[in-house]
Amino acid sequence: MQRTGGSSARAVLETGPLSVLTPPQGIGRYTEQRTVNLHTDDQCAPHAWWALHRGTWDEARYPSVSVALHQAPHLADAVAAVDVGARARILNPPPWLPPEAIELLVEGYTETLGVRTWNV
C-alpha cells in the first residue's frame, strides 16, 4: 500500500490456502501496488492489512444483498438503522444458502422507492 506522496507498507499472509505459498499450497504473491490518499504515513500499514484480509478471506462472499421491505415491512426499522461501515447479520438466510448466520460489512447501499415497492 503506497500513500500518495508518502511512505508505503506491505502485508503478507505466510500460511493457509490463500497465502503467498506457491500453488497448490497457496495462491502466490500479488504484484499489484495500490496508491491511496491517506492522511498520514502511519495509516499505510493498517490499510495494507485490511486489503490483505479482504483478499484472503476464505469464506463465501456476497457482493450484494437486497431487502424487499414492501414484502417484509417488519424489517424496516432494523434496515434503516444500518449505515455504511456497520456490521449486518442475516439470521435466517434463504433455503438455497447454508443455514448459518451471514456476517456482512456494509460498504454502501442503494434505496429504490416505487409506488408499491421499497428495495434496499
PDB file of N, CA and C in Angstrom:
ATOM      1  N   MET A   1       0.861  -1.158   0.000  1.00  0.00           N
ATOM      2  CA  MET A   1       0.000   0.000   0.000  1.00  0.00           C
ATOM      3  C   MET A   1       0.915   1.231   0.000  1.00  0.00           C
ATOM      4  N   GLN A   2       0.727   2.108  -0.964  1.00  0.00           N
ATOM      5  CA  GLN A   2       1.549   3.316  -1.112  1.00  0.00           C
ATOM      6  C   GLN A   2       0.680   4.533  -0.849  1.00  0.00           C
ATOM      7  N   ARG A   3       1.148   5.429  -0.015  1.00  0.00           N
ATOM      8  CA  ARG A   3       0.452   6.687   0.218  1.00  0.00           C
ATOM      9  C   ARG A   3       0.895   7.670  -0.850  1.00  0.00           C
ATOM     10  N   THR A   4      -0.034   8.404  -1.439  1.00  0.00           N
ATOM     11  CA  THR A   4       0.303   9.402  -2.445  1.00  0.00           C
ATOM     12  C   THR A   4       1.289  10.392  -1.843  1.00  0.00           C
ATOM     13  N   GLY A   5       2.471  10.456  -2.421  1.00  0.00           N
ATOM     14  CA  GLY A   5       3.493  11.374  -1.941  1.00  0.00           C
ATOM     15  C   GLY A   5       4.080  11.005  -0.600  1.00  0.00           C
ATOM     16  N   GLY A   6       3.948   9.748  -0.171  1.00  0.00           N
ATOM     17  CA  GLY A   6       4.419   9.369   1.153  1.00  0.00           C
ATOM     18  C   GLY A   6       5.033   7.989   1.174  1.00  0.00           C
ATOM     19  N   SER A   7       4.925   7.345   2.321  1.00  0.00           N
ATOM     20  CA  SER A   7       5.565   6.053   2.520  1.00  0.00           C
ATOM     21  C   SER A   7       4.672   4.906   2.037  1.00  0.00           C
ATOM     22  N   SER A   8       5.123   3.684   2.290  1.00  0.00           N
ATOM     23  CA  SER A   8       4.366   2.515   1.875  1.00  0.00           C
ATOM     24  C   SER A   8       4.465   1.439   2.947  1.00  0.00           C
ATOM     25  N   ALA A   9       3.608   0.421   2.816  1.00  0.00           N
ATOM     26  CA  ALA A   9       3.613  -0.716   3.736  1.00  0.00           C
ATOM     27  C   ALA A   9       3.181  -1.947   2.959  1.00  0.00           C
ATOM     28  N   ARG A  10       3.571  -3.111   3.464  1.00  0.00           N
ATOM     29  CA  ARG A  10       3.227  -4.369   2.821  1.00  0.00           C
ATOM     30  C   ARG A  10       2.727  -5.341   3.881  1.00  0.00           C
ATOM     31  N   ALA A  11       1.701  -6.121   3.522  1.00  0.00           N
ATOM     32  CA  ALA A  11       1.165  -7.150   4.409  1.00  0.00           C
ATOM     33  C   ALA A  11       1.256  -8.481   3.676  1.00  0.00           C
ATOM     34  N   VAL A  12       1.668  -9.530   4.390  1.00  0.00           N
ATOM     35  CA  VAL A  12       1.882 -10.841   3.771  1.00  0.00           C
ATOM     36  C   VAL A  12       1.231 -11.914   4.629  1.00  0.00           C
ATOM     37  N   LEU A  13       0.484 -12.802   3.981  1.00  0.00           N
ATOM     38  CA  LEU A  13      -0.094 -13.969   4.647  1.00  0.00           C
ATOM     39  C   LEU A  13       0.821 -15.146   4.342  1.00  0.00           C
ATOM     40  N   GLU A  14       1.489 -15.679   5.374  1.00  0.00           N
ATOM     41  CA  GLU A  14       2.527 -16.700   5.193  1.00  0.00           C
ATOM     42  C   GLU A  14       2.002 -18.126   5.077  1.00  0.00           C
ATOM     43  N   THR A  15       0.812 -18.417   5.639  1.00  0.00           N
ATOM     44  CA  THR A  15       0.303 -19.796   5.626  1.00  0.00           C
ATOM     45  C   THR A  15      -1.153 -19.821   5.210  1.00  0.00           C
ATOM     46  N   GLY A  16      -1.626 -21.004   4.829  1.00  0.00           N
ATOM     47  CA  GLY A  16      -3.035 -21.179   4.505  1.00  0.00           C
ATOM     48  C   GLY A  16      -3.296 -21.273   3.020  1.00  0.00           C
ATOM     49  N   PRO A  17      -4.532 -21.636   2.654  1.00  0.00           N
ATOM     50  CA  PRO A  17      -4.865 -21.867   1.250  1.00  0.00           C
ATOM     51  C   PRO A  17      -4.826 -20.611   0.383  1.00  0.00           C
ATOM     52  N   LEU A  18      -4.912 -19.439   0.978  1.00  0.00           N
ATOM     53  CA  LEU A  18      -4.861 -18.191   0.213  1.00  0.00           C
ATOM     54  C   LEU A  18      -3.579 -17.412   0.519  1.00  0.00           C
ATOM     55  N   SER A  19      -2.530 -18.114   0.904  1.00  0.00           N
ATOM     56  CA  SER A  19      -1.273 -17.478   1.300  1.00  0.00           C
ATOM     57  C   SER A  19      -0.353 -17.258   0.109  1.00  0.00           C
ATOM     58  N   VAL A  20       0.859 -16.751   0.414  1.00  0.00           N
ATOM     59  CA  VAL A  20       1.859 -16.491  -0.618  1.00  0.00           C
ATOM     60  C   VAL A  20       2.584 -17.749  -1.069  1.00  0.00           C
ATOM     61  N   LEU A  21       2.272 -18.884  -0.453  1.00  0.00           N
ATOM     62  CA  LEU A  21       2.923 -20.128  -0.847  1.00  0.00           C
ATOM     63  C   LEU A  21       2.632 -20.440  -2.312  1.00  0.00           C
ATOM     64  N   THR A  22       3.556 -21.110  -2.954  1.00  0.00           N
ATOM     65  CA  THR A  22       3.389 -21.483  -4.351  1.00  0.00           C
ATOM     66  C   THR A  22       2.218 -22.446  -4.499  1.00  0.00           C
ATOM     67  N   PRO A  23       1.347 -22.238  -5.509  1.00  0.00           N
ATOM     68  CA  PRO A  23       0.231 -23.172  -5.717  1.00  0.00           C
ATOM     69  C   PRO A  23       0.741 -24.597  -5.848  1.00  0.00           C
ATOM     70  N   PRO A  24       0.052 -25.616  -5.370  1.00  0.00           N
ATOM     71  CA  PRO A  24      -1.320 -25.617  -4.869  1.00  0.00           C
ATOM     72  C   PRO A  24      -1.432 -25.347  -3.371  1.00  0.00           C
ATOM     73  N   GLN A  25      -0.344 -25.104  -2.650  1.00  0.00           N
ATOM     74  CA  GLN A  25      -0.436 -24.846  -1.197  1.00  0.00           C
ATOM     75  C   GLN A  25      -1.023 -23.460  -0.911  1.00  0.00           C
ATOM     76  N   GLY A  26      -0.840 -22.526  -1.802  1.00  0.00           N
ATOM     77  CA  GLY A  26      -1.356 -21.167  -1.646  1.00  0.00           C
ATOM     78  C   GLY A  26      -1.683 -20.601  -3.007  1.00  0.00           C
ATOM     79  N   ILE A  27      -1.845 -19.298  -3.075  1.00  0.00           N
ATOM     80  CA  ILE A  27      -2.155 -18.674  -4.362  1.00  0.00           C
ATOM     81  C   ILE A  27      -1.003 -17.849  -4.909  1.00  0.00           C
ATOM     82  N   GLY A  28       0.077 -17.746  -4.145  1.00  0.00           N
ATOM     83  CA  GLY A  28       1.219 -16.974  -4.616  1.00  0.00           C
ATOM     84  C   GLY A  28       1.112 -15.512  -4.227  1.00  0.00           C
ATOM     85  N   ARG A  29       2.063 -14.723  -4.719  1.00  0.00           N
ATOM     86  CA  ARG A  29       2.123 -13.290  -4.377  1.00  0.00           C
ATOM     87  C   ARG A  29       1.366 -12.448  -5.396  1.00  0.00           C
ATOM     88  N   TYR A  30       0.717 -11.414  -4.898  1.00  0.00           N
ATOM     89  CA  TYR A  30       0.155 -10.389  -5.772  1.00  0.00           C
ATOM     90  C   TYR A  30       1.255  -9.372  -6.029  1.00  0.00           C
ATOM     91  N   THR A  31       1.377  -8.935  -7.241  1.00  0.00           N
ATOM     92  CA  THR A  31       2.407  -7.937  -7.552  1.00  0.00           C
ATOM     93  C   THR A  31       1.820  -6.534  -7.647  1.00  0.00           C
ATOM     94  N   GLU A  32       0.534  -6.418  -7.485  1.00  0.00           N
ATOM     95  CA  GLU A  32      -0.148  -5.130  -7.593  1.00  0.00           C
ATOM     96  C   GLU A  32       0.259  -4.198  -6.453  1.00  0.00           C
ATOM     97  N   GLN A  33       0.536  -2.947  -6.784  1.00  0.00           N
ATOM     98  CA  GLN A  33       0.823  -1.915  -5.779  1.00  0.00           C
ATOM     99  C   GLN A  33      -0.306  -0.890  -5.851  1.00  0.00           C
ATOM    100  N   ARG A  34      -0.968  -0.625  -4.738  1.00  0.00           N
ATOM    101  CA  ARG A  34      -2.057   0.348  -4.696  1.00  0.00           C
ATOM    102  C   ARG A  34      -1.546   1.661  -4.123  1.00  0.00           C
ATOM    103  N   THR A  35      -1.921   2.749  -4.766  1.00  0.00           N
ATOM    104  CA  THR A  35      -1.631   4.078  -4.244  1.00  0.00           C
ATOM    105  C   THR A  35      -2.941   4.667  -3.754  1.00  0.00           C
ATOM    106  N   VAL A  36      -2.961   5.081  -2.499  1.00  0.00           N
ATOM    107  CA  VAL A  36      -4.187   5.589  -1.891  1.00  0.00           C
ATOM    108  C   VAL A  36      -3.935   6.939  -1.261  1.00  0.00           C
ATOM    109  N   ASN A  37      -4.998   7.718  -1.108  1.00  0.00           N
ATOM    110  CA  ASN A  37      -4.916   9.028  -0.469  1.00  0.00           C
ATOM    111  C   ASN A  37      -5.210   8.861   1.017  1.00  0.00           C
ATOM    112  N   LEU A  38      -4.146   8.862   1.806  1.00  0.00           N
ATOM    113  CA  LEU A  38      -4.274   8.731   3.250  1.00  0.00           C
ATOM    114  C   LEU A  38      -3.847  10.036   3.908  1.00  0.00           C
ATOM    115  N   HIS A  39      -4.292  10.240   5.126  1.00  0.00           N
ATOM    116  CA  HIS A  39      -3.963  11.471   5.841  1.00  0.00           C
ATOM    117  C   HIS A  39      -2.508  11.484   6.323  1.00  0.00           C
ATOM    118  N   THR A  40      -2.036  10.350   6.851  1.00  0.00           N
ATOM    119  CA  THR A  40      -0.665  10.278   7.359  1.00  0.00           C
ATOM    120  C   THR A  40      -0.003   8.980   6.911  1.00  0.00           C
ATOM    121  N   ASP A  41       1.331   8.959   6.974  1.00  0.00           N
ATOM    122  CA  ASP A  41       2.088   7.775   6.587  1.00  0.00           C
ATOM    123  C   ASP A  41       1.780   6.563   7.470  1.00  0.00           C
ATOM    124  N   ASP A  42       1.476   6.798   8.752  1.00  0.00           N
ATOM    125  CA  ASP A  42       1.245   5.663   9.647  1.00  0.00           C
ATOM    126  C   ASP A  42      -0.080   4.937   9.366  1.00  0.00           C
ATOM    127  N   GLN A  43      -0.871   5.421   8.413  1.00  0.00           N
ATOM    128  CA  GLN A  43      -2.094   4.725   8.027  1.00  0.00           C
ATOM    129  C   GLN A  43      -1.837   3.670   6.953  1.00  0.00           C
ATOM    130  N   CYS A  44      -0.642   3.627   6.385  1.00  0.00           N
ATOM    131  CA  CYS A  44      -0.335   2.667   5.313  1.00  0.00           C
ATOM    132  C   CYS A  44      -0.441   1.218   5.793  1.00  0.00           C
ATOM    133  N   ALA A  45       0.164   0.902   6.917  1.00  0.00           N
ATOM    134  CA  ALA A  45       0.153  -0.484   7.411  1.00  0.00           C
ATOM    135  C   ALA A  45      -1.261  -0.985   7.701  1.00  0.00           C
ATOM    136  N   PRO A  46      -2.103  -0.245   8.435  1.00  0.00           N
ATOM    137  CA  PRO A  46      -3.462  -0.753   8.659  1.00  0.00           C
ATOM    138  C   PRO A  46      -4.237  -0.957   7.360  1.00  0.00           C
ATOM    139  N   HIS A  47      -4.057  -0.078   6.390  1.00  0.00           N
ATOM    140  CA  HIS A  47      -4.750  -0.241   5.114  1.00  0.00           C
ATOM    141  C   HIS A  47      -4.223  -1.457   4.353  1.00  0.00           C
ATOM    142  N   ALA A  48      -2.929  -1.703   4.427  1.00  0.00           N
ATOM    143  CA  ALA A  48      -2.354  -2.885   3.772  1.00  0.00           C
ATOM    144  C   ALA A  48      -2.905  -4.160   4.403  1.00  0.00           C
ATOM    145  N   TRP A  49      -2.987  -4.206   5.725  1.00  0.00           N
ATOM    146  CA  TRP A  49      -3.514  -5.395   6.396  1.00  0.00           C
ATOM    147  C   TRP A  49      -5.005  -5.584   6.113  1.00  0.00           C
ATOM    148  N   TRP A  50      -5.745  -4.488   6.016  1.00  0.00           N
ATOM    149  CA  TRP A  50      -7.170  -4.614   5.703  1.00  0.00           C
ATOM    150  C   TRP A  50      -7.349  -5.138   4.279  1.00  0.00           C
ATOM    151  N   ALA A  51      -6.562  -4.659   3.329  1.00  0.00           N
ATOM    152  CA  ALA A  51      -6.628  -5.153   1.948  1.00  0.00           C
ATOM    153  C   ALA A  51      -6.264  -6.641   1.912  1.00  0.00           C
ATOM    154  N   LEU A  52      -5.269  -7.039   2.680  1.00  0.00           N
ATOM    155  CA  LEU A  52      -4.899  -8.453   2.754  1.00  0.00           C
ATOM    156  C   LEU A  52      -6.064  -9.279   3.296  1.00  0.00           C
ATOM    157  N   HIS A  53      -6.664  -8.812   4.368  1.00  0.00           N
ATOM    158  CA  HIS A  53      -7.803  -9.519   4.981  1.00  0.00           C
ATOM    159  C   HIS A  53      -8.939  -9.677   3.979  1.00  0.00           C
ATOM    160  N   ARG A  54      -9.289  -8.616   3.278  1.00  0.00           N
ATOM    161  CA  ARG A  54     -10.392  -8.677   2.315  1.00  0.00           C
ATOM    162  C   ARG A  54     -10.088  -9.614   1.155  1.00  0.00           C
ATOM    163  N   GLY A  55      -8.837  -9.679   0.750  1.00  0.00           N
ATOM    164  CA  GLY A  55      -8.470 -10.509  -0.387  1.00  0.00           C
ATOM    165  C   GLY A  55      -8.212 -11.964  -0.062  1.00  0.00           C
ATOM    166  N   THR A  56      -8.075 -12.286   1.220  1.00  0.00           N
ATOM    167  CA  THR A  56      -7.736 -13.659   1.592  1.00  0.00           C
ATOM    168  C   THR A  56      -8.778 -14.310   2.496  1.00  0.00           C
ATOM    169  N   TRP A  57      -9.921 -13.700   2.642  1.00  0.00           N
ATOM    170  CA  TRP A  57     -10.984 -14.269   3.472  1.00  0.00           C
ATOM    171  C   TRP A  57     -11.499 -15.515   2.782  1.00  0.00           C
ATOM    172  N   ASP A  58     -11.359 -16.658   3.426  1.00  0.00           N
ATOM    173  CA  ASP A  58     -11.683 -17.946   2.825  1.00  0.00           C
ATOM    174  C   ASP A  58     -13.094 -18.404   3.214  1.00  0.00           C
ATOM    175  N   GLU A  59     -14.064 -17.610   2.908  1.00  0.00           N
ATOM    176  CA  GLU A  59     -15.468 -17.904   3.189  1.00  0.00           C
ATOM    177  C   GLU A  59     -16.290 -17.435   1.990  1.00  0.00           C
ATOM    178  N   ALA A  60     -17.564 -17.731   2.012  1.00  0.00           N
ATOM    179  CA  ALA A  60     -18.458 -17.261   0.956  1.00  0.00           C
ATOM    180  C   ALA A  60     -18.495 -15.741   0.957  1.00  0.00           C
ATOM    181  N   ARG A  61     -18.641 -15.164  -0.233  1.00  0.00           N
ATOM    182  CA  ARG A  61     -18.710 -13.704  -0.362  1.00  0.00           C
ATOM    183  C   ARG A  61     -20.045 -13.330  -0.986  1.00  0.00           C
ATOM    184  N   TYR A  62     -20.583 -12.238  -0.535  1.00  0.00           N
ATOM    185  CA  TYR A  62     -21.859 -11.751  -1.024  1.00  0.00           C
ATOM    186  C   TYR A  62     -21.646 -10.332  -1.544  1.00  0.00           C
ATOM    187  N   PRO A  63     -21.487 -10.173  -2.864  1.00  0.00           N
ATOM    188  CA  PRO A  63     -21.210  -8.846  -3.400  1.00  0.00           C
ATOM    189  C   PRO A  63     -22.366  -7.870  -3.219  1.00  0.00           C
ATOM    190  N   SER A  64     -23.570  -8.387  -3.116  1.00  0.00           N
ATOM    191  CA  SER A  64     -24.706  -7.515  -2.830  1.00  0.00           C
ATOM    192  C   SER A  64     -25.801  -8.327  -2.140  1.00  0.00           C
ATOM    193  N   VAL A  65     -26.568  -7.638  -1.336  1.00  0.00           N
ATOM    194  CA  VAL A  65     -27.703  -8.232  -0.629  1.00  0.00           C
ATOM    195  C   VAL A  65     -28.869  -7.278  -0.828  1.00  0.00           C
ATOM    196  N   SER A  66     -30.017  -7.807  -1.141  1.00  0.00           N
ATOM    197  CA  SER A  66     -31.200  -6.989  -1.382  1.00  0.00           C
ATOM    198  C   SER A  66     -32.277  -7.320  -0.360  1.00  0.00           C
ATOM    199  N   VAL A  67     -32.954  -6.284   0.124  1.00  0.00           N
ATOM    200  CA  VAL A  67     -34.066  -6.473   1.057  1.00  0.00           C
ATOM    201  C   VAL A  67     -35.296  -5.813   0.440  1.00  0.00           C
ATOM    202  N   ALA A  68     -36.327  -6.576   0.187  1.00  0.00           N
ATOM    203  CA  ALA A  68     -37.597  -6.064  -0.338  1.00  0.00           C
ATOM    204  C   ALA A  68     -38.477  -5.696   0.854  1.00  0.00           C
ATOM    205  N   LEU A  69     -38.363  -4.466   1.300  1.00  0.00           N
ATOM    206  CA  LEU A  69     -39.079  -4.059   2.516  1.00  0.00           C
ATOM    207  C   LEU A  69     -40.590  -4.008   2.320  1.00  0.00           C
ATOM    208  N   HIS A  70     -41.054  -3.884   1.098  1.00  0.00           N
ATOM    209  CA  HIS A  70     -42.502  -3.929   0.864  1.00  0.00           C
ATOM    210  C   HIS A  70     -43.056  -5.329   1.112  1.00  0.00           C
ATOM    211  N   GLN A  71     -42.174  -6.346   1.080  1.00  0.00           N
ATOM    212  CA  GLN A  71     -42.597  -7.716   1.374  1.00  0.00           C
ATOM    213  C   GLN A  71     -42.298  -8.104   2.817  1.00  0.00           C
ATOM    214  N   ALA A  72     -41.453  -7.306   3.486  1.00  0.00           N
ATOM    215  CA  ALA A  72     -41.103  -7.589   4.883  1.00  0.00           C
ATOM    216  C   ALA A  72     -41.054  -6.271   5.665  1.00  0.00           C
ATOM    217  N   PRO A  73     -42.182  -5.585   5.794  1.00  0.00           N
ATOM    218  CA  PRO A  73     -42.185  -4.274   6.458  1.00  0.00           C
ATOM    219  C   PRO A  73     -41.731  -4.322   7.912  1.00  0.00           C
ATOM    220  N   HIS A  74     -41.797  -5.488   8.551  1.00  0.00           N
ATOM    221  CA  HIS A  74     -41.344  -5.610   9.938  1.00  0.00           C
ATOM    222  C   HIS A  74     -39.829  -5.404  10.068  1.00  0.00           C
ATOM    223  N   LEU A  75     -39.093  -5.452   8.948  1.00  0.00           N
ATOM    224  CA  LEU A  75     -37.639  -5.240   8.970  1.00  0.00           C
ATOM    225  C   LEU A  75     -37.236  -3.790   8.735  1.00  0.00           C
ATOM    226  N   ALA A  76     -38.201  -2.912   8.483  1.00  0.00           N
ATOM    227  CA  ALA A  76     -37.897  -1.527   8.108  1.00  0.00           C
ATOM    228  C   ALA A  76     -37.032  -0.807   9.140  1.00  0.00           C
ATOM    229  N   ASP A  77     -37.366  -0.902  10.414  1.00  0.00           N
ATOM    230  CA  ASP A  77     -36.571  -0.210  11.443  1.00  0.00           C
ATOM    231  C   ASP A  77     -35.153  -0.756  11.516  1.00  0.00           C
ATOM    232  N   ALA A  78     -34.996  -2.062  11.445  1.00  0.00           N
ATOM    233  CA  ALA A  78     -33.667  -2.680  11.512  1.00  0.00           C
ATOM    234  C   ALA A  78     -32.827  -2.289  10.303  1.00  0.00           C
ATOM    235  N   VAL A  79     -33.421  -2.310   9.113  1.00  0.00           N
ATOM    236  CA  VAL A  79     -32.675  -1.948   7.898  1.00  0.00           C
ATOM    237  C   VAL A  79     -32.327  -0.461   7.921  1.00  0.00           C
ATOM    238  N   ALA A  80     -33.236   0.383   8.372  1.00  0.00           N
ATOM    239  CA  ALA A  80     -32.978   1.827   8.429  1.00  0.00           C
ATOM    240  C   ALA A  80     -31.849   2.161   9.405  1.00  0.00           C
ATOM    241  N   ALA A  81     -31.622   1.332  10.398  1.00  0.00           N
ATOM    242  CA  ALA A  81     -30.571   1.584  11.392  1.00  0.00           C
ATOM    243  C   ALA A  81     -29.180   1.221  10.877  1.00  0.00           C
ATOM    244  N   VAL A  82     -29.092   0.504   9.764  1.00  0.00           N
ATOM    245  CA  VAL A  82     -27.800   0.073   9.222  1.00  0.00           C
ATOM    246  C   VAL A  82     -27.237   1.172   8.337  1.00  0.00           C
ATOM    247  N   ASP A  83     -25.957   1.506   8.545  1.00  0.00           N
ATOM    248  CA  ASP A  83     -25.302   2.542   7.746  1.00  0.00           C
ATOM    249  C   ASP A  83     -23.980   2.008   7.212  1.00  0.00           C
ATOM    250  N   VAL A  84     -23.364   2.756   6.345  1.00  0.00           N
ATOM    251  CA  VAL A  84     -22.075   2.366   5.777  1.00  0.00           C
ATOM    252  C   VAL A  84     -21.059   2.175   6.904  1.00  0.00           C
ATOM    253  N   GLY A  85     -20.321   1.068   6.852  1.00  0.00           N
ATOM    254  CA  GLY A  85     -19.337   0.742   7.870  1.00  0.00           C
ATOM    255  C   GLY A  85     -19.887  -0.130   8.982  1.00  0.00           C
ATOM    256  N   ALA A  86     -21.193  -0.313   8.994  1.00  0.00           N
ATOM    257  CA  ALA A  86     -21.823  -1.116  10.049  1.00  0.00           C
ATOM    258  C   ALA A  86     -21.729  -2.607   9.726  1.00  0.00           C
ATOM    259  N   ARG A  87     -21.875  -3.399  10.748  1.00  0.00           N
ATOM    260  CA  ARG A  87     -21.953  -4.848  10.597  1.00  0.00           C
ATOM    261  C   ARG A  87     -23.421  -5.230  10.512  1.00  0.00           C
ATOM    262  N   ALA A  88     -23.735  -6.074   9.544  1.00  0.00           N
ATOM    263  CA  ALA A  88     -25.108  -6.557   9.399  1.00  0.00           C
ATOM    264  C   ALA A  88     -25.087  -8.077   9.454  1.00  0.00           C
ATOM    265  N   ARG A  89     -26.141  -8.643  10.001  1.00  0.00           N
ATOM    266  CA  ARG A  89     -26.250 -10.101  10.095  1.00  0.00           C
ATOM    267  C   ARG A  89     -27.561 -10.545   9.477  1.00  0.00           C
ATOM    268  N   ILE A  90     -27.480 -11.560   8.643  1.00  0.00           N
ATOM    269  CA  ILE A  90     -28.674 -12.202   8.112  1.00  0.00           C
ATOM    270  C   ILE A  90     -28.835 -13.483   8.918  1.00  0.00           C
ATOM    271  N   LEU A  91     -29.839 -13.504   9.775  1.00  0.00           N
ATOM    272  CA  LEU A  91     -30.007 -14.612  10.712  1.00  0.00           C
ATOM    273  C   LEU A  91     -30.723 -15.810  10.101  1.00  0.00           C
ATOM    274  N   ASN A  92     -31.615 -15.575   9.167  1.00  0.00           N
ATOM    275  CA  ASN A  92     -32.370 -16.650   8.527  1.00  0.00           C
ATOM    276  C   ASN A  92     -32.208 -16.549   7.014  1.00  0.00           C
ATOM    277  N   PRO A  93     -31.074 -17.019   6.485  1.00  0.00           N
ATOM    278  CA  PRO A  93     -30.865 -16.902   5.041  1.00  0.00           C
ATOM    279  C   PRO A  93     -31.863 -17.750   4.257  1.00  0.00           C
ATOM    280  N   PRO A  94     -32.022 -17.440   2.976  1.00  0.00           N
ATOM    281  CA  PRO A  94     -32.941 -18.230   2.144  1.00  0.00           C
ATOM    282  C   PRO A  94     -32.541 -19.697   2.116  1.00  0.00           C
ATOM    283  N   PRO A  95     -33.474 -20.576   1.784  1.00  0.00           N
ATOM    284  CA  PRO A  95     -33.217 -22.020   1.852  1.00  0.00           C
ATOM    285  C   PRO A  95     -32.083 -22.521   0.953  1.00  0.00           C
ATOM    286  N   TRP A  96     -31.749 -21.798  -0.107  1.00  0.00           N
ATOM    287  CA  TRP A  96     -30.689 -22.266  -1.011  1.00  0.00           C
ATOM    288  C   TRP A  96     -29.285 -21.949  -0.494  1.00  0.00           C
ATOM    289  N   LEU A  97     -29.180 -21.253   0.637  1.00  0.00           N
ATOM    290  CA  LEU A  97     -27.890 -20.940   1.248  1.00  0.00           C
ATOM    291  C   LEU A  97     -27.684 -21.786   2.498  1.00  0.00           C
ATOM    292  N   PRO A  98     -26.430 -21.918   2.945  1.00  0.00           N
ATOM    293  CA  PRO A  98     -26.204 -22.624   4.213  1.00  0.00           C
ATOM    294  C   PRO A  98     -26.991 -21.949   5.340  1.00  0.00           C
ATOM    295  N   PRO A  99     -27.433 -22.717   6.336  1.00  0.00           N
ATOM    296  CA  PRO A  99     -28.332 -22.176   7.359  1.00  0.00           C
ATOM    297  C   PRO A  99     -27.673 -21.261   8.392  1.00  0.00           C
ATOM    298  N   GLU A 100     -26.341 -21.170   8.411  1.00  0.00           N
ATOM    299  CA  GLU A 100     -25.675 -20.334   9.404  1.00  0.00           C
ATOM    300  C   GLU A 100     -25.941 -18.846   9.139  1.00  0.00           C
ATOM    301  N   ALA A 101     -25.829 -18.050  10.191  1.00  0.00           N
ATOM    302  CA  ALA A 101     -25.964 -16.600  10.047  1.00  0.00           C
ATOM    303  C   ALA A 101     -24.871 -16.071   9.120  1.00  0.00           C
ATOM    304  N   ILE A 102     -25.207 -15.058   8.339  1.00  0.00           N
ATOM    305  CA  ILE A 102     -24.267 -14.442   7.400  1.00  0.00           C
ATOM    306  C   ILE A 102     -23.829 -13.106   7.981  1.00  0.00           C
ATOM    307  N   GLU A 103     -22.521 -12.940   8.165  1.00  0.00           N
ATOM    308  CA  GLU A 103     -21.964 -11.699   8.692  1.00  0.00           C
ATOM    309  C   GLU A 103     -21.530 -10.829   7.517  1.00  0.00           C
ATOM    310  N   LEU A 104     -21.948  -9.572   7.510  1.00  0.00           N
ATOM    311  CA  LEU A 104     -21.636  -8.657   6.415  1.00  0.00           C
ATOM    312  C   LEU A 104     -21.079  -7.345   6.947  1.00  0.00           C
ATOM    313  N   LEU A 105     -20.254  -6.700   6.131  1.00  0.00           N
ATOM    314  CA  LEU A 105     -19.792  -5.343   6.398  1.00  0.00           C
ATOM    315  C   LEU A 105     -20.404  -4.477   5.312  1.00  0.00           C
ATOM    316  N   VAL A 106     -21.166  -3.480   5.697  1.00  0.00           N
ATOM    317  CA  VAL A 106     -21.872  -2.635   4.737  1.00  0.00           C
ATOM    318  C   VAL A 106     -20.905  -1.626   4.152  1.00  0.00           C
ATOM    319  N   GLU A 107     -20.711  -1.705   2.821  1.00  0.00           N
ATOM    320  CA  GLU A 107     -19.811  -0.785   2.126  1.00  0.00           C
ATOM    321  C   GLU A 107     -20.576   0.299   1.382  1.00  0.00           C
ATOM    322  N   GLY A 108     -21.856   0.162   1.271  1.00  0.00           N
ATOM    323  CA  GLY A 108     -22.697   1.145   0.590  1.00  0.00           C
ATOM    324  C   GLY A 108     -24.087   0.568   0.416  1.00  0.00           C
ATOM    325  N   TYR A 109     -25.005   1.386  -0.054  1.00  0.00           N
ATOM    326  CA  TYR A 109     -26.345   0.886  -0.285  1.00  0.00           C
ATOM    327  C   TYR A 109     -27.068   1.767  -1.298  1.00  0.00           C
ATOM    328  N   THR A 110     -28.078   1.206  -1.902  1.00  0.00           N
ATOM    329  CA  THR A 110     -28.961   1.906  -2.825  1.00  0.00           C
ATOM    330  C   THR A 110     -30.379   1.637  -2.366  1.00  0.00           C
ATOM    331  N   GLU A 111     -31.177   2.664  -2.357  1.00  0.00           N
ATOM    332  CA  GLU A 111     -32.571   2.527  -1.945  1.00  0.00           C
ATOM    333  C   GLU A 111     -33.454   2.936  -3.124  1.00  0.00           C
ATOM    334  N   THR A 112     -34.403   2.084  -3.459  1.00  0.00           N
ATOM    335  CA  THR A 112     -35.312   2.357  -4.574  1.00  0.00           C
ATOM    336  C   THR A 112     -36.738   2.325  -4.063  1.00  0.00           C
ATOM    337  N   LEU A 113     -37.428   3.450  -4.216  1.00  0.00           N
ATOM    338  CA  LEU A 113     -38.822   3.550  -3.792  1.00  0.00           C
ATOM    339  C   LEU A 113     -39.713   3.579  -5.030  1.00  0.00           C
ATOM    340  N   GLY A 114     -40.678   2.696  -5.052  1.00  0.00           N
ATOM    341  CA  GLY A 114     -41.671   2.686  -6.124  1.00  0.00           C
ATOM    342  C   GLY A 114     -43.044   2.987  -5.551  1.00  0.00           C
ATOM    343  N   VAL A 115     -44.058   2.956  -6.374  1.00  0.00           N
ATOM    344  CA  VAL A 115     -45.417   3.220  -5.903  1.00  0.00           C
ATOM    345  C   VAL A 115     -45.818   2.184  -4.858  1.00  0.00           C
ATOM    346  N   ARG A 116     -45.461   0.916  -5.105  1.00  0.00           N
ATOM    347  CA  ARG A 116     -45.806  -0.151  -4.164  1.00  0.00           C
ATOM    348  C   ARG A 116     -44.600  -0.995  -3.775  1.00  0.00           C
ATOM    349  N   THR A 117     -43.404  -0.490  -4.021  1.00  0.00           N
ATOM    350  CA  THR A 117     -42.194  -1.257  -3.707  1.00  0.00           C
ATOM    351  C   THR A 117     -41.197  -0.395  -2.943  1.00  0.00           C
ATOM    352  N   TRP A 118     -40.370  -1.079  -2.157  1.00  0.00           N
ATOM    353  CA  TRP A 118     -39.302  -0.426  -1.397  1.00  0.00           C
ATOM    354  C   TRP A 118     -38.160  -1.431  -1.288  1.00  0.00           C
ATOM    355  N   ASN A 119     -37.114  -1.219  -2.056  1.00  0.00           N
ATOM    356  CA  ASN A 119     -35.965  -2.122  -2.075  1.00  0.00           C
ATOM    357  C   ASN A 119     -34.728  -1.400  -1.582  1.00  0.00           C
ATOM    358  N   VAL A 120     -33.977  -2.077  -0.725  1.00  0.00           N
ATOM    359  CA  VAL A 120     -32.701  -1.546  -0.227  1.00  0.00           C
ATOM    360  C   VAL A 120     -31.628  -2.558  -0.578  1.00  0.00           C
TER     361      VAL A 120
END
